[in-house]
PDB file of N, CA and C in Angstrom:
ATOM      1  N   MET A   1      98.256 118.145 142.065  1.00  0.00           N
ATOM      2  CA  MET A   1      98.325 119.095 140.981  1.00  0.00           C
ATOM      3  C   MET A   1      96.940 119.202 140.357  1.00  0.00           C
ATOM      4  N   THR A   2      96.285 120.307 140.580  1.00  0.00           N
ATOM      5  CA  THR A   2      94.958 120.517 140.018  1.00  0.00           C
ATOM      6  C   THR A   2      95.072 121.326 138.743  1.00  0.00           C
ATOM      7  N   GLN A   3      94.196 120.993 137.807  1.00  0.00           N
ATOM      8  CA  GLN A   3      94.201 121.691 136.531  1.00  0.00           C
ATOM      9  C   GLN A   3      92.835 122.306 136.310  1.00  0.00           C
ATOM     10  N   SER A   4      92.833 123.377 135.564  1.00  0.00           N
ATOM     11  CA  SER A   4      91.566 124.024 135.256  1.00  0.00           C
ATOM     12  C   SER A   4      90.829 123.217 134.188  1.00  0.00           C
ATOM     13  N   PRO A   5      89.514 123.388 134.090  1.00  0.00           N
ATOM     14  CA  PRO A   5      88.750 122.681 133.055  1.00  0.00           C
ATOM     15  C   PRO A   5      89.255 122.996 131.647  1.00  0.00           C
ATOM     16  N   LYS A   6      89.764 124.229 131.445  1.00  0.00           N
ATOM     17  CA  LYS A   6      90.281 124.600 130.130  1.00  0.00           C
ATOM     18  C   LYS A   6      91.491 123.737 129.783  1.00  0.00           C
ATOM     19  N   ASP A   7      92.378 123.501 130.769  1.00  0.00           N
ATOM     20  CA  ASP A   7      93.544 122.657 130.543  1.00  0.00           C
ATOM     21  C   ASP A   7      93.120 121.221 130.240  1.00  0.00           C
ATOM     22  N   ASP A   8      92.123 120.727 130.963  1.00  0.00           N
ATOM     23  CA  ASP A   8      91.625 119.371 130.729  1.00  0.00           C
ATOM     24  C   ASP A   8      91.061 119.242 129.324  1.00  0.00           C
ATOM     25  N   ALA A   9      90.342 120.262 128.860  1.00  0.00           N
ATOM     26  CA  ALA A   9      89.766 120.228 127.510  1.00  0.00           C
ATOM     27  C   ALA A   9      90.864 120.249 126.449  1.00  0.00           C
ATOM     28  N   SER A  10      91.884 121.083 126.655  1.00  0.00           N
ATOM     29  CA  SER A  10      92.962 121.149 125.669  1.00  0.00           C
ATOM     30  C   SER A  10      93.771 119.853 125.672  1.00  0.00           C
ATOM     31  N   GLU A  11      93.953 119.251 126.852  1.00  0.00           N
ATOM     32  CA  GLU A  11      94.647 117.973 126.920  1.00  0.00           C
ATOM     33  C   GLU A  11      93.842 116.889 126.213  1.00  0.00           C
ATOM     34  N   SER A  12      92.541 116.881 126.429  1.00  0.00           N
ATOM     35  CA  SER A  12      91.683 115.897 125.772  1.00  0.00           C
ATOM     36  C   SER A  12      91.735 116.061 124.259  1.00  0.00           C
ATOM     37  N   LYS A  13      91.762 117.316 123.819  1.00  0.00           N
ATOM     38  CA  LYS A  13      91.834 117.590 122.381  1.00  0.00           C
ATOM     39  C   LYS A  13      93.167 117.090 121.812  1.00  0.00           C
ATOM     40  N   LEU A  14      94.267 117.355 122.514  1.00  0.00           N
ATOM     41  CA  LEU A  14      95.581 116.901 122.055  1.00  0.00           C
ATOM     42  C   LEU A  14      95.650 115.376 122.003  1.00  0.00           C
ATOM     43  N   ILE A  15      95.100 114.731 123.024  1.00  0.00           N
ATOM     44  CA  ILE A  15      95.095 113.266 123.057  1.00  0.00           C
ATOM     45  C   ILE A  15      94.274 112.722 121.895  1.00  0.00           C
ATOM     46  N   ALA A  16      93.119 113.319 121.638  1.00  0.00           N
ATOM     47  CA  ALA A  16      92.273 112.872 120.527  1.00  0.00           C
ATOM     48  C   ALA A  16      92.997 113.043 119.192  1.00  0.00           C
ATOM     49  N   GLU A  17      93.689 114.157 119.024  1.00  0.00           N
ATOM     50  CA  GLU A  17      94.444 114.391 117.787  1.00  0.00           C
ATOM     51  C   GLU A  17      95.540 113.346 117.618  1.00  0.00           C
ATOM     52  N   CYS A  18      96.228 113.034 118.706  1.00  0.00           N
ATOM     53  CA  CYS A  18      97.284 112.019 118.653  1.00  0.00           C
ATOM     54  C   CYS A  18      96.710 110.647 118.316  1.00  0.00           C
ATOM     55  N   GLU A  19      95.551 110.326 118.883  1.00  0.00           N
ATOM     56  CA  GLU A  19      94.925 109.033 118.608  1.00  0.00           C
ATOM     57  C   GLU A  19      94.484 108.926 117.152  1.00  0.00           C
ATOM     58  N   VAL A  20      93.993 110.019 116.587  1.00  0.00           N
ATOM     59  CA  VAL A  20      93.616 110.024 115.167  1.00  0.00           C
ATOM     60  C   VAL A  20      94.859 109.816 114.299  1.00  0.00           C
ATOM     61  N   ALA A  21      95.940 110.519 114.633  1.00  0.00           N
ATOM     62  CA  ALA A  21      97.185 110.366 113.877  1.00  0.00           C
ATOM     63  C   ALA A  21      97.707 108.933 113.989  1.00  0.00           C
ATOM     64  N   MET A  22      97.621 108.361 115.197  1.00  0.00           N
ATOM     65  CA  MET A  22      98.069 106.975 115.380  1.00  0.00           C
ATOM     66  C   MET A  22      97.251 106.021 114.521  1.00  0.00           C
ATOM     67  N   ALA A  23      95.950 106.240 114.442  1.00  0.00           N
ATOM     68  CA  ALA A  23      95.092 105.379 113.631  1.00  0.00           C
ATOM     69  C   ALA A  23      95.464 105.489 112.152  1.00  0.00           C
ATOM     70  N   GLU A  24      95.749 106.714 111.695  1.00  0.00           N
ATOM     71  CA  GLU A  24      96.157 106.915 110.298  1.00  0.00           C
ATOM     72  C   GLU A  24      97.497 106.232 110.022  1.00  0.00           C
ATOM     73  N   PHE A  25      98.452 106.398 110.933  1.00  0.00           N
ATOM     74  CA  PHE A  25      99.759 105.757 110.771  1.00  0.00           C
ATOM     75  C   PHE A  25      99.621 104.232 110.782  1.00  0.00           C
ATOM     76  N   THR A  26      98.757 103.713 111.636  1.00  0.00           N
ATOM     77  CA  THR A  26      98.545 102.267 111.717  1.00  0.00           C
ATOM     78  C   THR A  26      97.954 101.735 110.417  1.00  0.00           C
ATOM     79  N   ALA A  27      97.007 102.448 109.856  1.00  0.00           N
ATOM     80  CA  ALA A  27      96.410 102.036 108.582  1.00  0.00           C
ATOM     81  C   ALA A  27      97.459 102.040 107.469  1.00  0.00           C
ATOM     82  N   GLN A  28      98.307 103.069 107.447  1.00  0.00           N
ATOM     83  CA  GLN A  28      99.362 103.146 106.440  1.00  0.00           C
ATOM     84  C   GLN A  28     100.364 102.012 106.623  1.00  0.00           C
ATOM     85  N   ARG A  29     100.715 101.721 107.886  1.00  0.00           N
ATOM     86  CA  ARG A  29     101.654 100.637 108.175  1.00  0.00           C
ATOM     87  C   ARG A  29     101.072  99.300 107.727  1.00  0.00           C
ATOM     88  N   ASP A  30      99.806  99.070 108.018  1.00  0.00           N
ATOM     89  CA  ASP A  30      99.164  97.821 107.624  1.00  0.00           C
ATOM     90  C   ASP A  30      99.131  97.670 106.107  1.00  0.00           C
ATOM     91  N   GLU A  31      98.937  98.777 105.408  1.00  0.00           N
ATOM     92  CA  GLU A  31      98.954  98.755 103.946  1.00  0.00           C
ATOM     93  C   GLU A  31     100.356  98.408 103.434  1.00  0.00           C
ATOM     94  N   CYS A  32     101.387  98.941 104.080  1.00  0.00           N
ATOM     95  CA  CYS A  32     102.764  98.601 103.700  1.00  0.00           C
ATOM     96  C   CYS A  32     103.020  97.108 103.873  1.00  0.00           C
ATOM     97  N   VAL A  33     102.594  96.558 104.984  1.00  0.00           N
ATOM     98  CA  VAL A  33     102.781  95.132 105.256  1.00  0.00           C
ATOM     99  C   VAL A  33     102.044  94.297 104.208  1.00  0.00           C
ATOM    100  N   ARG A  34     100.817  94.687 103.912  1.00  0.00           N
ATOM    101  CA  ARG A  34     100.032  93.956 102.912  1.00  0.00           C
ATOM    102  C   ARG A  34     100.714  94.001 101.553  1.00  0.00           C
ATOM    103  N   ARG A  35     101.191  95.177 101.175  1.00  0.00           N
ATOM    104  CA  ARG A  35     101.835  95.343  99.867  1.00  0.00           C
ATOM    105  C   ARG A  35     103.145  94.556  99.789  1.00  0.00           C
ATOM    106  N   VAL A  36     103.923  94.514 100.882  1.00  0.00           N
ATOM    107  CA  VAL A  36     105.164  93.736 100.910  1.00  0.00           C
ATOM    108  C   VAL A  36     104.851  92.256 100.691  1.00  0.00           C
ATOM    109  N   GLN A  37     103.843  91.761 101.388  1.00  0.00           N
ATOM    110  CA  GLN A  37     103.461  90.360 101.218  1.00  0.00           C
ATOM    111  C   GLN A  37     103.027  90.071  99.789  1.00  0.00           C
ATOM    112  N   GLU A  38     102.308  91.009  99.214  1.00  0.00           N
ATOM    113  CA  GLU A  38     101.843  90.868  97.835  1.00  0.00           C
ATOM    114  C   GLU A  38     103.026  90.824  96.867  1.00  0.00           C
ATOM    115  N   LEU A  39     103.985  91.727  97.053  1.00  0.00           N
ATOM    116  CA  LEU A  39     105.152  91.773  96.173  1.00  0.00           C
ATOM    117  C   LEU A  39     106.031  90.538  96.338  1.00  0.00           C
ATOM    118  N   MET A  40     106.174  90.068  97.582  1.00  0.00           N
ATOM    119  CA  MET A  40     106.986  88.872  97.817  1.00  0.00           C
ATOM    120  C   MET A  40     106.355  87.648  97.136  1.00  0.00           C
ATOM    121  N   ALA A  41     105.040  87.565  97.193  1.00  0.00           N
ATOM    122  CA  ALA A  41     104.349  86.446  96.552  1.00  0.00           C
ATOM    123  C   ALA A  41     104.460  86.521  95.026  1.00  0.00           C
ATOM    124  N   ALA A  42     104.584  87.743  94.506  1.00  0.00           N
ATOM    125  CA  ALA A  42     104.653  87.923  93.055  1.00  0.00           C
ATOM    126  C   ALA A  42     106.051  87.698  92.485  1.00  0.00           C
ATOM    127  N   GLU A  43     107.063  87.617  93.346  1.00  0.00           N
ATOM    128  CA  GLU A  43     108.418  87.394  92.854  1.00  0.00           C
ATOM    129  C   GLU A  43     108.552  85.986  92.281  1.00  0.00           C
ATOM    130  N   ASP A  44     109.334  85.881  91.222  1.00  0.00           N
ATOM    131  CA  ASP A  44     109.601  84.584  90.590  1.00  0.00           C
ATOM    132  C   ASP A  44     111.070  84.571  90.162  1.00  0.00           C
ATOM    133  N   PRO A  45     111.934  84.076  91.044  1.00  0.00           N
ATOM    134  CA  PRO A  45     113.373  84.077  90.714  1.00  0.00           C
ATOM    135  C   PRO A  45     113.699  83.321  89.423  1.00  0.00           C
ATOM    136  N   ALA A  46     112.986  82.249  89.159  1.00  0.00           N
ATOM    137  CA  ALA A  46     113.252  81.471  87.939  1.00  0.00           C
ATOM    138  C   ALA A  46     112.991  82.299  86.682  1.00  0.00           C
ATOM    139  N   ALA A  47     112.018  83.171  86.754  1.00  0.00           N
ATOM    140  CA  ALA A  47     111.681  84.015  85.610  1.00  0.00           C
ATOM    141  C   ALA A  47     112.388  85.374  85.675  1.00  0.00           C
ATOM    142  N   GLY A  48     113.169  85.587  86.723  1.00  0.00           N
ATOM    143  CA  GLY A  48     113.895  86.850  86.853  1.00  0.00           C
ATOM    144  C   GLY A  48     113.032  88.007  87.322  1.00  0.00           C
ATOM    145  N   ILE A  49     111.924  87.703  87.994  1.00  0.00           N
ATOM    146  CA  ILE A  49     111.025  88.757  88.488  1.00  0.00           C
ATOM    147  C   ILE A  49     111.332  89.002  89.966  1.00  0.00           C
ATOM    148  N   PHE A  50     111.860  90.173  90.233  1.00  0.00           N
ATOM    149  CA  PHE A  50     112.207  90.556  91.602  1.00  0.00           C
ATOM    150  C   PHE A  50     111.626  91.930  91.891  1.00  0.00           C
ATOM    151  N   HIS A  51     111.282  92.154  93.158  1.00  0.00           N
ATOM    152  CA  HIS A  51     110.741  93.446  93.590  1.00  0.00           C
ATOM    153  C   HIS A  51     111.507  93.955  94.804  1.00  0.00           C
ATOM    154  N   ALA A  52     112.801  93.735  94.817  1.00  0.00           N
ATOM    155  CA  ALA A  52     113.618  94.046  95.987  1.00  0.00           C
ATOM    156  C   ALA A  52     113.561  95.522  96.365  1.00  0.00           C
ATOM    157  N   THR A  53     113.660  96.402  95.405  1.00  0.00           N
ATOM    158  CA  THR A  53     113.665  97.836  95.698  1.00  0.00           C
ATOM    159  C   THR A  53     112.345  98.281  96.301  1.00  0.00           C
ATOM    160  N   GLU A  54     111.253  97.835  95.703  1.00  0.00           N
ATOM    161  CA  GLU A  54     109.941  98.211  96.225  1.00  0.00           C
ATOM    162  C   GLU A  54     109.720  97.650  97.626  1.00  0.00           C
ATOM    163  N   ILE A  55     110.128  96.387  97.817  1.00  0.00           N
ATOM    164  CA  ILE A  55     109.974  95.753  99.133  1.00  0.00           C
ATOM    165  C   ILE A  55     110.804  96.495 100.165  1.00  0.00           C
ATOM    166  N   TYR A  56     112.042  96.818  99.817  1.00  0.00           N
ATOM    167  CA  TYR A  56     112.926  97.540 100.738  1.00  0.00           C
ATOM    168  C   TYR A  56     112.310  98.884 101.126  1.00  0.00           C
ATOM    169  N   ASN A  57     111.820  99.635 100.143  1.00  0.00           N
ATOM    170  CA  ASN A  57     111.233 100.954 100.426  1.00  0.00           C
ATOM    171  C   ASN A  57     109.978 100.834 101.290  1.00  0.00           C
ATOM    172  N   LEU A  58     109.172  99.831 101.043  1.00  0.00           N
ATOM    173  CA  LEU A  58     107.970  99.628 101.858  1.00  0.00           C
ATOM    174  C   LEU A  58     108.326  99.229 103.287  1.00  0.00           C
ATOM    175  N   GLN A  59     109.351  98.383 103.439  1.00  0.00           N
ATOM    176  CA  GLN A  59     109.774  97.992 104.781  1.00  0.00           C
ATOM    177  C   GLN A  59     110.343  99.195 105.536  1.00  0.00           C
ATOM    178  N   LYS A  60     111.053 100.054 104.816  1.00  0.00           N
ATOM    179  CA  LYS A  60     111.579 101.269 105.424  1.00  0.00           C
ATOM    180  C   LYS A  60     110.443 102.177 105.871  1.00  0.00           C
ATOM    181  N   ASP A  61     109.419 102.310 105.041  1.00  0.00           N
ATOM    182  CA  ASP A  61     108.244 103.106 105.404  1.00  0.00           C
ATOM    183  C   ASP A  61     107.535 102.515 106.616  1.00  0.00           C
ATOM    184  N   LYS A  62     107.436 101.196 106.671  1.00  0.00           N
ATOM    185  CA  LYS A  62     106.801 100.534 107.804  1.00  0.00           C
ATOM    186  C   LYS A  62     107.538 100.870 109.106  1.00  0.00           C
ATOM    187  N   LEU A  63     108.854 100.819 109.066  1.00  0.00           N
ATOM    188  CA  LEU A  63     109.632 101.154 110.260  1.00  0.00           C
ATOM    189  C   LEU A  63     109.439 102.620 110.655  1.00  0.00           C
ATOM    190  N   ARG A  64     109.404 103.509 109.676  1.00  0.00           N
ATOM    191  CA  ARG A  64     109.168 104.924 109.957  1.00  0.00           C
ATOM    192  C   ARG A  64     107.804 105.123 110.607  1.00  0.00           C
ATOM    193  N   LEU A  65     106.807 104.429 110.090  1.00  0.00           N
ATOM    194  CA  LEU A  65     105.456 104.538 110.646  1.00  0.00           C
ATOM    195  C   LEU A  65     105.395 103.964 112.064  1.00  0.00           C
ATOM    196  N   ASP A  66     106.135 102.887 112.309  1.00  0.00           N
ATOM    197  CA  ASP A  66     106.212 102.340 113.670  1.00  0.00           C
ATOM    198  C   ASP A  66     106.765 103.385 114.642  1.00  0.00           C
ATOM    199  N   VAL A  67     107.777 104.117 114.201  1.00  0.00           N
ATOM    200  CA  VAL A  67     108.371 105.159 115.051  1.00  0.00           C
ATOM    201  C   VAL A  67     107.380 106.297 115.266  1.00  0.00           C
ATOM    202  N   GLU A  68     106.685 106.701 114.232  1.00  0.00           N
ATOM    203  CA  GLU A  68     105.677 107.763 114.370  1.00  0.00           C
ATOM    204  C   GLU A  68     104.591 107.357 115.364  1.00  0.00           C
ATOM    205  N   ILE A  69     104.142 106.110 115.273  1.00  0.00           N
ATOM    206  CA  ILE A  69     103.123 105.606 116.200  1.00  0.00           C
ATOM    207  C   ILE A  69     103.655 105.638 117.623  1.00  0.00           C
ATOM    208  N   GLU A  70     104.894 105.207 117.798  1.00  0.00           N
ATOM    209  CA  GLU A  70     105.501 105.191 119.137  1.00  0.00           C
ATOM    210  C   GLU A  70     105.644 106.611 119.695  1.00  0.00           C
ATOM    211  N   PHE A  71     106.045 107.572 118.865  1.00  0.00           N
ATOM    212  CA  PHE A  71     106.146 108.960 119.320  1.00  0.00           C
ATOM    213  C   PHE A  71     104.790 109.490 119.783  1.00  0.00           C
ATOM    214  N   LYS A  72     103.745 109.194 119.036  1.00  0.00           N
ATOM    215  CA  LYS A  72     102.406 109.657 119.423  1.00  0.00           C
ATOM    216  C   LYS A  72     101.952 108.990 120.720  1.00  0.00           C
ATOM    217  N   ARG A  73     102.245 107.696 120.874  1.00  0.00           N
ATOM    218  CA  ARG A  73     101.874 106.985 122.099  1.00  0.00           C
ATOM    219  C   ARG A  73     102.580 107.604 123.306  1.00  0.00           C
ATOM    220  N   LYS A  74     103.849 107.913 123.133  1.00  0.00           N
ATOM    221  CA  LYS A  74     104.609 108.517 124.233  1.00  0.00           C
ATOM    222  C   LYS A  74     104.132 109.940 124.519  1.00  0.00           C
ATOM    223  N   LYS A  75     103.730 110.665 123.493  1.00  0.00           N
ATOM    224  CA  LYS A  75     103.201 112.012 123.699  1.00  0.00           C
ATOM    225  C   LYS A  75     101.913 111.949 124.515  1.00  0.00           C
ATOM    226  N   ILE A  76     101.054 110.988 124.186  1.00  0.00           N
ATOM    227  CA  ILE A  76      99.819 110.815 124.957  1.00  0.00           C
ATOM    228  C   ILE A  76     100.149 110.517 126.418  1.00  0.00           C
ATOM    229  N   ASN A  77     101.120 109.655 126.647  1.00  0.00           N
ATOM    230  CA  ASN A  77     101.514 109.329 128.021  1.00  0.00           C
ATOM    231  C   ASN A  77     102.032 110.559 128.760  1.00  0.00           C
ATOM    232  N   ARG A  78     102.841 111.389 128.073  1.00  0.00           N
ATOM    233  CA  ARG A  78     103.354 112.612 128.716  1.00  0.00           C
ATOM    234  C   ARG A  78     102.215 113.557 129.055  1.00  0.00           C
ATOM    235  N   ILE A  79     101.243 113.686 128.159  1.00  0.00           N
ATOM    236  CA  ILE A  79     100.096 114.568 128.414  1.00  0.00           C
ATOM    237  C   ILE A  79      99.321 114.069 129.621  1.00  0.00           C
ATOM    238  N   ARG A  80      99.073 112.763 129.662  1.00  0.00           N
ATOM    239  CA  ARG A  80      98.304 112.193 130.783  1.00  0.00           C
ATOM    240  C   ARG A  80      99.039 112.325 132.111  1.00  0.00           C
ATOM    241  N   LEU A  81     100.366 112.284 132.062  1.00  0.00           N
ATOM    242  CA  LEU A  81     101.156 112.423 133.291  1.00  0.00           C
ATOM    243  C   LEU A  81     101.341 113.888 133.694  1.00  0.00           C
ATOM    244  N   GLY A  82     100.955 114.808 132.816  1.00  0.00           N
ATOM    245  CA  GLY A  82     101.014 116.223 133.136  1.00  0.00           C
ATOM    246  C   GLY A  82     102.338 116.895 132.849  1.00  0.00           C
ATOM    247  N   PHE A  83     103.185 116.264 132.027  1.00  0.00           N
ATOM    248  CA  PHE A  83     104.454 116.881 131.676  1.00  0.00           C
ATOM    249  C   PHE A  83     104.232 117.965 130.635  1.00  0.00           C
ATOM    250  N   ASP A  84     104.957 119.045 130.789  1.00  0.00           N
ATOM    251  CA  ASP A  84     104.925 120.133 129.819  1.00  0.00           C
ATOM    252  C   ASP A  84     105.926 119.805 128.717  1.00  0.00           C
ATOM    253  N   GLU A  85     105.538 119.970 127.462  1.00  0.00           N
ATOM    254  CA  GLU A  85     106.407 119.629 126.339  1.00  0.00           C
ATOM    255  C   GLU A  85     107.738 120.382 126.385  1.00  0.00           C
ATOM    256  N   SER A  86     107.725 121.635 126.805  1.00  0.00           N
ATOM    257  CA  SER A  86     108.971 122.409 126.847  1.00  0.00           C
ATOM    258  C   SER A  86     109.928 121.857 127.894  1.00  0.00           C
ATOM    259  N   ASP A  87     109.397 121.317 128.998  1.00  0.00           N
ATOM    260  CA  ASP A  87     110.249 120.709 130.019  1.00  0.00           C
ATOM    261  C   ASP A  87     110.905 119.443 129.488  1.00  0.00           C
ATOM    262  N   VAL A  88     110.166 118.657 128.728  1.00  0.00           N
ATOM    263  CA  VAL A  88     110.679 117.406 128.196  1.00  0.00           C
ATOM    264  C   VAL A  88     111.803 117.671 127.203  1.00  0.00           C
ATOM    265  N   VAL A  89     111.618 118.638 126.327  1.00  0.00           N
ATOM    266  CA  VAL A  89     112.624 118.957 125.324  1.00  0.00           C
ATOM    267  C   VAL A  89     113.912 119.421 125.990  1.00  0.00           C
ATOM    268  N   ALA A  90     113.803 120.274 126.979  1.00  0.00           N
ATOM    269  CA  ALA A  90     114.983 120.796 127.651  1.00  0.00           C
ATOM    270  C   ALA A  90     115.733 119.713 128.391  1.00  0.00           C
ATOM    271  N   SER A  91     115.009 118.836 129.091  1.00  0.00           N
ATOM    272  CA  SER A  91     115.686 117.819 129.893  1.00  0.00           C
ATOM    273  C   SER A  91     116.212 116.653 129.063  1.00  0.00           C
ATOM    274  N   ALA A  92     115.685 116.454 127.860  1.00  0.00           N
ATOM    275  CA  ALA A  92     116.110 115.333 127.025  1.00  0.00           C
ATOM    276  C   ALA A  92     117.114 115.780 125.978  1.00  0.00           C
ATOM    277  N   GLY A  93     117.636 116.964 126.083  1.00  0.00           N
ATOM    278  CA  GLY A  93     118.612 117.426 125.115  1.00  0.00           C
ATOM    279  C   GLY A  93     118.011 117.674 123.738  1.00  0.00           C
ATOM    280  N   GLY A  94     116.726 117.982 123.694  1.00  0.00           N
ATOM    281  CA  GLY A  94     116.067 118.263 122.424  1.00  0.00           C
ATOM    282  C   GLY A  94     115.317 117.095 121.833  1.00  0.00           C
ATOM    283  N   LEU A  95     115.459 115.908 122.423  1.00  0.00           N
ATOM    284  CA  LEU A  95     114.752 114.737 121.907  1.00  0.00           C
ATOM    285  C   LEU A  95     113.448 114.541 122.640  1.00  0.00           C
ATOM    286  N   LEU A  96     112.396 114.242 121.898  1.00  0.00           N
ATOM    287  CA  LEU A  96     111.076 114.052 122.489  1.00  0.00           C
ATOM    288  C   LEU A  96     110.810 112.572 122.745  1.00  0.00           C
ATOM    289  N   PHE A  97     111.329 112.068 123.848  1.00  0.00           N
ATOM    290  CA  PHE A  97     111.079 110.661 124.203  1.00  0.00           C
ATOM    291  C   PHE A  97     110.269 110.558 125.447  1.00  0.00           C
TER     292      PHE A  97
END
């Protein structure tokens, strides 16, 4: 399967965009992890200081960011393998895996 240079350039651009998004998501995820650790260390059950809601929301955000990173990684793999996005959506029942 040969591709034109224009296709290679657009694929490279898409991969670069995905890698930038992955880096941003990774930085956000790392910040969530850092903040959770900070809040857990600040809790003091004896004094009645709890941060359960904030910790829960940050952990939920971390999981969401993990999924976003995984979607971008899989998109890069599909691009490198030469799959067309419309083919993937149709064959996966609308899910982009």
